Amino acid sequence: MSTIQLATTAKGNGYQAIVTFPDGVSMSSAETYPSVAEAMAAAAMKLLDMPERLAALDRPEAPVNLGASIPCSRRNGPA
């Protein structure tokens, strides 16, 4: 089973949205949000903007890592 993690982290006077994929690639929003709820909603919306990455989760023969097509960074450990 694949797990996609939506998380937030404190940044400045607000919170930053983070989406982490099963292969360890994560993306953070450039924007900060005033509440955890707004940051989590932004992370979910960011995920919906990547249908090709979501579709890859259902194709066992295809690699999940599609990082070349989107800006991303690697995170160490759980968020």
PDB file of N, CA and C in Angstrom:
ATOM      1  N   MET A   1       0.830  -1.168   0.000  1.00  0.00           N
ATOM      2  CA  MET A   1       0.000   0.000   0.000  1.00  0.00           C
ATOM      3  C   MET A   1       0.882   1.241   0.000  1.00  0.00           C
ATOM      4  N   SER A   2       0.532   2.215  -0.819  1.00  0.00           N
ATOM      5  CA  SER A   2       1.287   3.457  -0.902  1.00  0.00           C
ATOM      6  C   SER A   2       0.721   4.472   0.076  1.00  0.00           C
ATOM      7  N   THR A   3       1.605   5.261   0.657  1.00  0.00           N
ATOM      8  CA  THR A   3       1.198   6.300   1.583  1.00  0.00           C
ATOM      9  C   THR A   3       1.703   7.640   1.079  1.00  0.00           C
ATOM     10  N   ILE A   4       0.806   8.591   0.968  1.00  0.00           N
ATOM     11  CA  ILE A   4       1.166   9.961   0.639  1.00  0.00           C
ATOM     12  C   ILE A   4       0.889  10.780   1.881  1.00  0.00           C
ATOM     13  N   GLN A   5       1.895  11.496   2.340  1.00  0.00           N
ATOM     14  CA  GLN A   5       1.768  12.249   3.586  1.00  0.00           C
ATOM     15  C   GLN A   5       1.562  13.729   3.292  1.00  0.00           C
ATOM     16  N   LEU A   6       0.524  14.305   3.896  1.00  0.00           N
ATOM     17  CA  LEU A   6       0.297  15.737   3.851  1.00  0.00           C
ATOM     18  C   LEU A   6       0.677  16.264   5.225  1.00  0.00           C
ATOM     19  N   ALA A   7       1.503  17.282   5.258  1.00  0.00           N
ATOM     20  CA  ALA A   7       1.966  17.792   6.550  1.00  0.00           C
ATOM     21  C   ALA A   7       2.142  19.298   6.474  1.00  0.00           C
ATOM     22  N   THR A   8       2.367  19.891   7.636  1.00  0.00           N
ATOM     23  CA  THR A   8       2.677  21.307   7.710  1.00  0.00           C
ATOM     24  C   THR A   8       3.892  21.496   8.604  1.00  0.00           C
ATOM     25  N   THR A   9       4.561  22.599   8.411  1.00  0.00           N
ATOM     26  CA  THR A   9       5.673  22.973   9.272  1.00  0.00           C
ATOM     27  C   THR A   9       5.579  24.475   9.518  1.00  0.00           C
ATOM     28  N   ALA A  10       5.957  24.889  10.711  1.00  0.00           N
ATOM     29  CA  ALA A  10       5.936  26.316  11.028  1.00  0.00           C
ATOM     30  C   ALA A  10       7.005  27.030  10.217  1.00  0.00           C
ATOM     31  N   LYS A  11       6.629  28.152   9.645  1.00  0.00           N
ATOM     32  CA  LYS A  11       7.584  28.946   8.869  1.00  0.00           C
ATOM     33  C   LYS A  11       7.188  30.410   9.005  1.00  0.00           C
ATOM     34  N   GLY A  12       8.080  31.201   9.556  1.00  0.00           N
ATOM     35  CA  GLY A  12       7.776  32.614   9.750  1.00  0.00           C
ATOM     36  C   GLY A  12       6.584  32.782  10.678  1.00  0.00           C
ATOM     37  N   ASN A  13       5.611  33.539  10.230  1.00  0.00           N
ATOM     38  CA  ASN A  13       4.400  33.776  11.026  1.00  0.00           C
ATOM     39  C   ASN A  13       3.260  32.847  10.643  1.00  0.00           C
ATOM     40  N   GLY A  14       3.551  31.767   9.936  1.00  0.00           N
ATOM     41  CA  GLY A  14       2.492  30.876   9.493  1.00  0.00           C
ATOM     42  C   GLY A  14       2.972  29.453   9.349  1.00  0.00           C
ATOM     43  N   TYR A  15       2.349  28.733   8.430  1.00  0.00           N
ATOM     44  CA  TYR A  15       2.649  27.324   8.214  1.00  0.00           C
ATOM     45  C   TYR A  15       2.839  27.064   6.738  1.00  0.00           C
ATOM     46  N   GLN A  16       3.725  26.140   6.434  1.00  0.00           N
ATOM     47  CA  GLN A  16       4.029  25.761   5.063  1.00  0.00           C
ATOM     48  C   GLN A  16       3.482  24.363   4.818  1.00  0.00           C
ATOM     49  N   ALA A  17       2.892  24.144   3.649  1.00  0.00           N
ATOM     50  CA  ALA A  17       2.341  22.844   3.273  1.00  0.00           C
ATOM     51  C   ALA A  17       3.439  21.950   2.698  1.00  0.00           C
ATOM     52  N   ILE A  18       3.382  20.644   3.026  1.00  0.00           N
ATOM     53  CA  ILE A  18       4.357  19.676   2.529  1.00  0.00           C
ATOM     54  C   ILE A  18       3.619  18.431   2.053  1.00  0.00           C
ATOM     55  N   VAL A  19       3.950  17.960   0.854  1.00  0.00           N
ATOM     56  CA  VAL A  19       3.432  16.701   0.322  1.00  0.00           C
ATOM     57  C   VAL A  19       4.625  15.763   0.175  1.00  0.00           C
ATOM     58  N   THR A  20       4.544  14.557   0.773  1.00  0.00           N
ATOM     59  CA  THR A  20       5.619  13.571   0.677  1.00  0.00           C
ATOM     60  C   THR A  20       5.065  12.309   0.023  1.00  0.00           C
ATOM     61  N   PHE A  21       5.766  11.834  -1.007  1.00  0.00           N
ATOM     62  CA  PHE A  21       5.354  10.651  -1.763  1.00  0.00           C
ATOM     63  C   PHE A  21       6.064   9.410  -1.257  1.00  0.00           C
ATOM     64  N   PRO A  22       5.562   8.213  -1.632  1.00  0.00           N
ATOM     65  CA  PRO A  22       6.135   6.958  -1.137  1.00  0.00           C
ATOM     66  C   PRO A  22       7.620   6.775  -1.432  1.00  0.00           C
ATOM     67  N   ASP A  23       8.113   7.395  -2.513  1.00  0.00           N
ATOM     68  CA  ASP A  23       9.528   7.243  -2.858  1.00  0.00           C
ATOM     69  C   ASP A  23      10.425   8.214  -2.094  1.00  0.00           C
ATOM     70  N   GLY A  24       9.848   8.984  -1.166  1.00  0.00           N
ATOM     71  CA  GLY A  24      10.629   9.894  -0.341  1.00  0.00           C
ATOM     72  C   GLY A  24      10.733  11.301  -0.876  1.00  0.00           C
ATOM     73  N   VAL A  25      10.261  11.534  -2.102  1.00  0.00           N
ATOM     74  CA  VAL A  25      10.287  12.875  -2.670  1.00  0.00           C
ATOM     75  C   VAL A  25       9.218  13.708  -1.989  1.00  0.00           C
ATOM     76  N   SER A  26       9.582  14.917  -1.589  1.00  0.00           N
ATOM     77  CA  SER A  26       8.602  15.806  -0.982  1.00  0.00           C
ATOM     78  C   SER A  26       8.651  17.171  -1.637  1.00  0.00           C
ATOM     79  N   MET A  27       7.546  17.873  -1.560  1.00  0.00           N
ATOM     80  CA  MET A  27       7.436  19.207  -2.111  1.00  0.00           C
ATOM     81  C   MET A  27       6.841  20.108  -1.045  1.00  0.00           C
ATOM     82  N   SER A  28       7.377  21.280  -0.920  1.00  0.00           N
ATOM     83  CA  SER A  28       6.860  22.271   0.014  1.00  0.00           C
ATOM     84  C   SER A  28       6.287  23.438  -0.769  1.00  0.00           C
ATOM     85  N   SER A  29       5.246  24.038  -0.224  1.00  0.00           N
ATOM     86  CA  SER A  29       4.684  25.210  -0.869  1.00  0.00           C
ATOM     87  C   SER A  29       5.633  26.388  -0.692  1.00  0.00           C
ATOM     88  N   ALA A  30       5.627  27.269  -1.642  1.00  0.00           N
ATOM     89  CA  ALA A  30       6.423  28.488  -1.526  1.00  0.00           C
ATOM     90  C   ALA A  30       5.738  29.474  -0.589  1.00  0.00           C
ATOM     91  N   GLU A  31       4.412  29.357  -0.498  1.00  0.00           N
ATOM     92  CA  GLU A  31       3.623  30.265   0.314  1.00  0.00           C
ATOM     93  C   GLU A  31       3.517  29.761   1.749  1.00  0.00           C
ATOM     94  N   THR A  32       3.232  30.672   2.656  1.00  0.00           N
ATOM     95  CA  THR A  32       2.882  30.279   4.019  1.00  0.00           C
ATOM     96  C   THR A  32       1.419  30.637   4.238  1.00  0.00           C
ATOM     97  N   TYR A  33       0.783  29.924   5.153  1.00  0.00           N
ATOM     98  CA  TYR A  33      -0.636  30.079   5.425  1.00  0.00           C
ATOM     99  C   TYR A  33      -0.820  30.397   6.901  1.00  0.00           C
ATOM    100  N   PRO A  34      -1.851  31.160   7.243  1.00  0.00           N
ATOM    101  CA  PRO A  34      -2.024  31.582   8.633  1.00  0.00           C
ATOM    102  C   PRO A  34      -2.418  30.473   9.593  1.00  0.00           C
ATOM    103  N   SER A  35      -2.951  29.364   9.092  1.00  0.00           N
ATOM    104  CA  SER A  35      -3.374  28.283   9.987  1.00  0.00           C
ATOM    105  C   SER A  35      -2.932  26.927   9.444  1.00  0.00           C
ATOM    106  N   VAL A  36      -2.880  25.949  10.345  1.00  0.00           N
ATOM    107  CA  VAL A  36      -2.541  24.580   9.948  1.00  0.00           C
ATOM    108  C   VAL A  36      -3.584  24.062   8.959  1.00  0.00           C
ATOM    109  N   ALA A  37      -4.861  24.344   9.215  1.00  0.00           N
ATOM    110  CA  ALA A  37      -5.933  23.868   8.335  1.00  0.00           C
ATOM    111  C   ALA A  37      -5.765  24.392   6.910  1.00  0.00           C
ATOM    112  N   GLU A  38      -5.429  25.662   6.765  1.00  0.00           N
ATOM    113  CA  GLU A  38      -5.240  26.227   5.433  1.00  0.00           C
ATOM    114  C   GLU A  38      -4.017  25.631   4.744  1.00  0.00           C
ATOM    115  N   ALA A  39      -2.957  25.372   5.490  1.00  0.00           N
ATOM    116  CA  ALA A  39      -1.765  24.760   4.912  1.00  0.00           C
ATOM    117  C   ALA A  39      -2.054  23.323   4.468  1.00  0.00           C
ATOM    118  N   MET A  40      -2.814  22.578   5.276  1.00  0.00           N
ATOM    119  CA  MET A  40      -3.170  21.204   4.900  1.00  0.00           C
ATOM    120  C   MET A  40      -4.042  21.198   3.654  1.00  0.00           C
ATOM    121  N   ALA A  41      -4.986  22.120   3.562  1.00  0.00           N
ATOM    122  CA  ALA A  41      -5.835  22.221   2.372  1.00  0.00           C
ATOM    123  C   ALA A  41      -4.992  22.548   1.146  1.00  0.00           C
ATOM    124  N   ALA A  42      -4.008  23.421   1.308  1.00  0.00           N
ATOM    125  CA  ALA A  42      -3.118  23.763   0.196  1.00  0.00           C
ATOM    126  C   ALA A  42      -2.309  22.550  -0.253  1.00  0.00           C
ATOM    127  N   ALA A  43      -1.852  21.733   0.703  1.00  0.00           N
ATOM    128  CA  ALA A  43      -1.102  20.523   0.361  1.00  0.00           C
ATOM    129  C   ALA A  43      -1.986  19.562  -0.433  1.00  0.00           C
ATOM    130  N   ALA A  44      -3.237  19.418  -0.016  1.00  0.00           N
ATOM    131  CA  ALA A  44      -4.166  18.537  -0.736  1.00  0.00           C
ATOM    132  C   ALA A  44      -4.429  19.061  -2.142  1.00  0.00           C
ATOM    133  N   MET A  45      -4.579  20.359  -2.287  1.00  0.00           N
ATOM    134  CA  MET A  45      -4.803  20.939  -3.611  1.00  0.00           C
ATOM    135  C   MET A  45      -3.582  20.749  -4.503  1.00  0.00           C
ATOM    136  N   LYS A  46      -2.396  20.878  -3.926  1.00  0.00           N
ATOM    137  CA  LYS A  46      -1.160  20.654  -4.686  1.00  0.00           C
ATOM    138  C   LYS A  46      -1.123  19.213  -5.202  1.00  0.00           C
ATOM    139  N   LEU A  47      -1.540  18.284  -4.368  1.00  0.00           N
ATOM    140  CA  LEU A  47      -1.575  16.878  -4.754  1.00  0.00           C
ATOM    141  C   LEU A  47      -2.536  16.657  -5.921  1.00  0.00           C
ATOM    142  N   LEU A  48      -3.682  17.314  -5.890  1.00  0.00           N
ATOM    143  CA  LEU A  48      -4.652  17.178  -6.974  1.00  0.00           C
ATOM    144  C   LEU A  48      -4.149  17.754  -8.291  1.00  0.00           C
ATOM    145  N   ASP A  49      -3.183  18.646  -8.218  1.00  0.00           N
ATOM    146  CA  ASP A  49      -2.603  19.233  -9.432  1.00  0.00           C
ATOM    147  C   ASP A  49      -1.581  18.323 -10.097  1.00  0.00           C
ATOM    148  N   MET A  50      -1.380  17.108  -9.553  1.00  0.00           N
ATOM    149  CA  MET A  50      -0.387  16.182 -10.098  1.00  0.00           C
ATOM    150  C   MET A  50      -1.030  14.829 -10.457  1.00  0.00           C
ATOM    151  N   PRO A  51      -1.983  14.823 -11.386  1.00  0.00           N
ATOM    152  CA  PRO A  51      -2.657  13.561 -11.707  1.00  0.00           C
ATOM    153  C   PRO A  51      -1.708  12.490 -12.246  1.00  0.00           C
ATOM    154  N   GLU A  52      -0.631  12.894 -12.920  1.00  0.00           N
ATOM    155  CA  GLU A  52       0.303  11.898 -13.461  1.00  0.00           C
ATOM    156  C   GLU A  52       1.016  11.149 -12.342  1.00  0.00           C
ATOM    157  N   ARG A  53       1.318  11.828 -11.255  1.00  0.00           N
ATOM    158  CA  ARG A  53       1.978  11.176 -10.127  1.00  0.00           C
ATOM    159  C   ARG A  53       0.991  10.250  -9.413  1.00  0.00           C
ATOM    160  N   LEU A  54      -0.249  10.664  -9.283  1.00  0.00           N
ATOM    161  CA  LEU A  54      -1.268   9.822  -8.654  1.00  0.00           C
ATOM    162  C   LEU A  54      -1.539   8.580  -9.504  1.00  0.00           C
ATOM    163  N   ALA A  55      -1.628   8.751 -10.816  1.00  0.00           N
ATOM    164  CA  ALA A  55      -1.870   7.616 -11.709  1.00  0.00           C
ATOM    165  C   ALA A  55      -0.722   6.614 -11.634  1.00  0.00           C
ATOM    166  N   ALA A  56       0.502   7.089 -11.456  1.00  0.00           N
ATOM    167  CA  ALA A  56       1.660   6.197 -11.376  1.00  0.00           C
ATOM    168  C   ALA A  56       1.588   5.274 -10.166  1.00  0.00           C
ATOM    169  N   LEU A  57       0.888   5.691  -9.129  1.00  0.00           N
ATOM    170  CA  LEU A  57       0.755   4.841  -7.937  1.00  0.00           C
ATOM    171  C   LEU A  57      -0.020   3.556  -8.238  1.00  0.00           C
ATOM    172  N   ASP A  58      -0.895   3.591  -9.239  1.00  0.00           N
ATOM    173  CA  ASP A  58      -1.705   2.431  -9.592  1.00  0.00           C
ATOM    174  C   ASP A  58      -1.073   1.550 -10.660  1.00  0.00           C
ATOM    175  N   ARG A  59       0.070   1.946 -11.207  1.00  0.00           N
ATOM    176  CA  ARG A  59       0.743   1.162 -12.246  1.00  0.00           C
ATOM    177  C   ARG A  59       1.950   0.472 -11.639  1.00  0.00           C
ATOM    178  N   PRO A  60       1.844  -0.818 -11.322  1.00  0.00           N
ATOM    179  CA  PRO A  60       2.966  -1.509 -10.687  1.00  0.00           C
ATOM    180  C   PRO A  60       4.212  -1.578 -11.571  1.00  0.00           C
ATOM    181  N   GLU A  61       4.057  -1.531 -12.879  1.00  0.00           N
ATOM    182  CA  GLU A  61       5.209  -1.628 -13.764  1.00  0.00           C
ATOM    183  C   GLU A  61       5.912  -0.289 -13.958  1.00  0.00           C
ATOM    184  N   ALA A  62       5.248   0.811 -13.599  1.00  0.00           N
ATOM    185  CA  ALA A  62       5.832   2.136 -13.809  1.00  0.00           C
ATOM    186  C   ALA A  62       6.519   2.622 -12.537  1.00  0.00           C
ATOM    187  N   PRO A  63       7.641   3.298 -12.691  1.00  0.00           N
ATOM    188  CA  PRO A  63       8.291   3.869 -11.506  1.00  0.00           C
ATOM    189  C   PRO A  63       7.436   4.985 -10.910  1.00  0.00           C
ATOM    190  N   VAL A  64       7.448   5.105  -9.606  1.00  0.00           N
ATOM    191  CA  VAL A  64       6.684   6.146  -8.932  1.00  0.00           C
ATOM    192  C   VAL A  64       7.398   7.482  -9.031  1.00  0.00           C
ATOM    193  N   ASN A  65       8.730   7.473  -9.097  1.00  0.00           N
ATOM    194  CA  ASN A  65       9.491   8.714  -9.075  1.00  0.00           C
ATOM    195  C   ASN A  65       9.322   9.476 -10.378  1.00  0.00           C
ATOM    196  N   LEU A  66       8.495  10.500 -10.357  1.00  0.00           N
ATOM    197  CA  LEU A  66       8.297  11.374 -11.503  1.00  0.00           C
ATOM    198  C   LEU A  66       8.861  12.759 -11.200  1.00  0.00           C
ATOM    199  N   GLY A  67       9.798  12.816 -10.291  1.00  0.00           N
ATOM    200  CA  GLY A  67      10.333  14.075  -9.791  1.00  0.00           C
ATOM    201  C   GLY A  67      10.921  14.982 -10.840  1.00  0.00           C
ATOM    202  N   ALA A  68      11.318  14.452 -11.985  1.00  0.00           N
ATOM    203  CA  ALA A  68      11.921  15.297 -13.000  1.00  0.00           C
ATOM    204  C   ALA A  68      10.929  16.297 -13.570  1.00  0.00           C
ATOM    205  N   SER A  69       9.630  15.999 -13.470  1.00  0.00           N
ATOM    206  CA  SER A  69       8.643  16.888 -14.077  1.00  0.00           C
ATOM    207  C   SER A  69       8.104  17.935 -13.120  1.00  0.00           C
ATOM    208  N   ILE A  70       8.483  17.876 -11.842  1.00  0.00           N
ATOM    209  CA  ILE A  70       7.974  18.828 -10.863  1.00  0.00           C
ATOM    210  C   ILE A  70       9.099  19.277  -9.953  1.00  0.00           C
ATOM    211  N   PRO A  71       9.041  20.504  -9.443  1.00  0.00           N
ATOM    212  CA  PRO A  71      10.055  20.916  -8.478  1.00  0.00           C
ATOM    213  C   PRO A  71       9.909  20.107  -7.203  1.00  0.00           C
ATOM    214  N   CYS A  72      10.988  19.596  -6.684  1.00  0.00           N
ATOM    215  CA  CYS A  72      10.893  18.766  -5.489  1.00  0.00           C
ATOM    216  C   CYS A  72      12.200  18.823  -4.717  1.00  0.00           C
ATOM    217  N   SER A  73      12.138  18.279  -3.511  1.00  0.00           N
ATOM    218  CA  SER A  73      13.333  18.188  -2.678  1.00  0.00           C
ATOM    219  C   SER A  73      13.250  16.899  -1.893  1.00  0.00           C
ATOM    220  N   ARG A  74      14.360  16.444  -1.367  1.00  0.00           N
ATOM    221  CA  ARG A  74      14.358  15.247  -0.535  1.00  0.00           C
ATOM    222  C   ARG A  74      14.380  15.674   0.913  1.00  0.00           C
ATOM    223  N   ARG A  75      13.594  14.992   1.742  1.00  0.00           N
ATOM    224  CA  ARG A  75      13.556  15.260   3.177  1.00  0.00           C
ATOM    225  C   ARG A  75      14.149  14.069   3.906  1.00  0.00           C
ATOM    226  N   ASN A  76      14.754  14.313   5.022  1.00  0.00           N
ATOM    227  CA  ASN A  76      15.298  13.248   5.840  1.00  0.00           C
ATOM    228  C   ASN A  76      14.343  12.940   6.967  1.00  0.00           C
ATOM    229  N   GLY A  77      13.880  11.719   7.039  1.00  0.00           N
ATOM    230  CA  GLY A  77      13.018  11.298   8.141  1.00  0.00           C
ATOM    231  C   GLY A  77      11.598  11.775   7.955  1.00  0.00           C
ATOM    232  N   PRO A  78      10.730  11.373   8.888  1.00  0.00           N
ATOM    233  CA  PRO A  78       9.325  11.755   8.794  1.00  0.00           C
ATOM    234  C   PRO A  78       9.131  13.230   9.110  1.00  0.00           C
ATOM    235  N   ALA A  79       8.050  13.764   8.578  1.00  0.00           N
ATOM    236  CA  ALA A  79       7.757  15.193   8.799  1.00  0.00           C
ATOM    237  C   ALA A  79       7.188  15.399  10.189  1.00  0.00           C
TER     238      ALA A  79
END
